[in-house]
Amino acid sequence: MKNSYVSKSALLVISSMCLLSACGDTTGQRALSGGAIGAGIGTVGGAILAADPVTGAVLGAAAGALTGAATSKNEVNFGDIK
């Protein structure tokens, strides 16, 4: 029962991180924002999963930064902010 909860929680954290990870115009901006958002989600995920929140933050930051750097401006478009 606990493994099912952990798997569902991990899936939720990872999918949330991927959806939120790439905000910015340049590759560097997307990597930085992805890393920051990923670190936040990883910290919460680590705490929810009864793991180390610091480890969650590090892993989340790495995954968010990689996802942000791998996306292009055309793949992530939130419209023009005025």
Protein backbone atom coordinates (compact mmCIF):
# COMPACT_ATOMS: atom_id res chain seq x y z
CA MET A 1 0.00 0.00 0.00
CA LYS A 2 2.79 2.44 0.90
CA ASN A 3 4.67 1.76 -2.36
CA SER A 4 1.57 2.68 -4.36
CA TYR A 5 1.28 5.98 -2.48
CA VAL A 6 4.97 6.72 -2.99
CA SER A 7 4.77 5.92 -6.71
CA LYS A 8 1.73 8.15 -7.21
CA SER A 9 3.32 10.96 -5.22
CA ALA A 10 6.56 10.69 -7.16
CA LEU A 11 4.67 10.75 -10.45
CA LEU A 12 2.77 13.85 -9.35
CA VAL A 13 5.96 15.65 -8.31
CA ILE A 14 7.80 14.77 -11.52
CA SER A 15 4.93 15.71 -13.81
CA SER A 16 4.39 19.01 -11.97
CA MET A 17 8.07 19.81 -12.27
CA CYS A 18 8.07 19.11 -16.00
CA LEU A 19 5.00 21.27 -16.58
CA LEU A 20 6.40 24.23 -14.68
CA SER A 21 10.06 24.01 -15.47
CA ALA A 22 10.78 26.22 -18.46
CA CYS A 23 9.88 29.90 -18.16
CA GLY A 24 12.06 32.44 -19.97
CA ASP A 25 13.19 33.76 -23.34
CA THR A 26 16.73 32.40 -23.44
CA THR A 27 18.13 28.96 -22.75
CA GLY A 28 19.89 30.29 -19.65
CA GLN A 29 16.71 31.86 -18.29
CA ARG A 30 14.76 28.65 -18.84
CA ALA A 31 17.50 26.62 -17.15
CA LEU A 32 17.59 28.96 -14.14
CA SER A 33 13.83 29.18 -13.73
CA GLY A 34 13.48 25.45 -14.29
CA GLY A 35 16.13 24.79 -11.66
CA ALA A 36 14.45 27.09 -9.15
CA ILE A 37 10.99 25.66 -9.71
CA GLY A 38 12.38 22.13 -9.69
CA ALA A 39 14.18 22.76 -6.41
CA GLY A 40 10.97 23.96 -4.80
CA ILE A 41 8.94 21.04 -6.08
CA GLY A 42 11.73 18.62 -5.15
CA THR A 43 11.85 19.96 -1.60
CA VAL A 44 8.12 19.49 -1.17
CA GLY A 45 8.26 16.09 -2.85
CA GLY A 46 11.09 14.96 -0.61
CA ALA A 47 9.15 16.01 2.46
CA ILE A 48 5.93 14.35 1.28
CA LEU A 49 7.71 11.10 0.46
CA ALA A 50 9.38 11.05 3.89
CA ALA A 51 12.75 11.39 2.21
CA ASP A 52 15.39 14.04 2.69
CA PRO A 53 14.05 17.42 1.44
CA VAL A 54 17.59 18.56 0.58
CA THR A 55 18.10 15.56 -1.67
CA GLY A 56 14.71 16.26 -3.25
CA ALA A 57 15.71 19.87 -3.85
CA VAL A 58 19.00 18.90 -5.48
CA LEU A 59 17.40 16.29 -7.72
CA GLY A 60 14.49 18.59 -8.54
CA ALA A 61 16.82 21.47 -9.39
CA ALA A 62 18.91 19.27 -11.66
CA ALA A 63 15.88 17.85 -13.46
CA GLY A 64 14.23 21.27 -13.77
CA ALA A 65 17.38 22.92 -15.10
CA LEU A 66 17.92 20.15 -17.64
CA THR A 67 14.30 20.33 -18.75
CA GLY A 68 14.45 24.12 -18.99
CA ALA A 69 17.69 24.04 -20.97
CA ALA A 70 16.32 21.37 -23.32
CA THR A 71 13.27 23.39 -24.30
CA SER A 72 13.14 26.13 -26.91
CA LYS A 73 11.34 29.44 -26.71
CA ASN A 74 8.77 28.14 -29.21
CA GLU A 75 7.98 25.08 -27.08
CA VAL A 76 7.09 27.15 -24.03
CA ASN A 77 4.92 30.15 -24.85
CA PHE A 78 2.88 31.86 -22.17
CA GLY A 79 2.03 34.76 -24.47
CA ASP A 80 3.32 38.31 -24.41
CA ILE A 81 3.31 39.88 -20.97
CA LYS A 82 2.71 43.60 -21.11
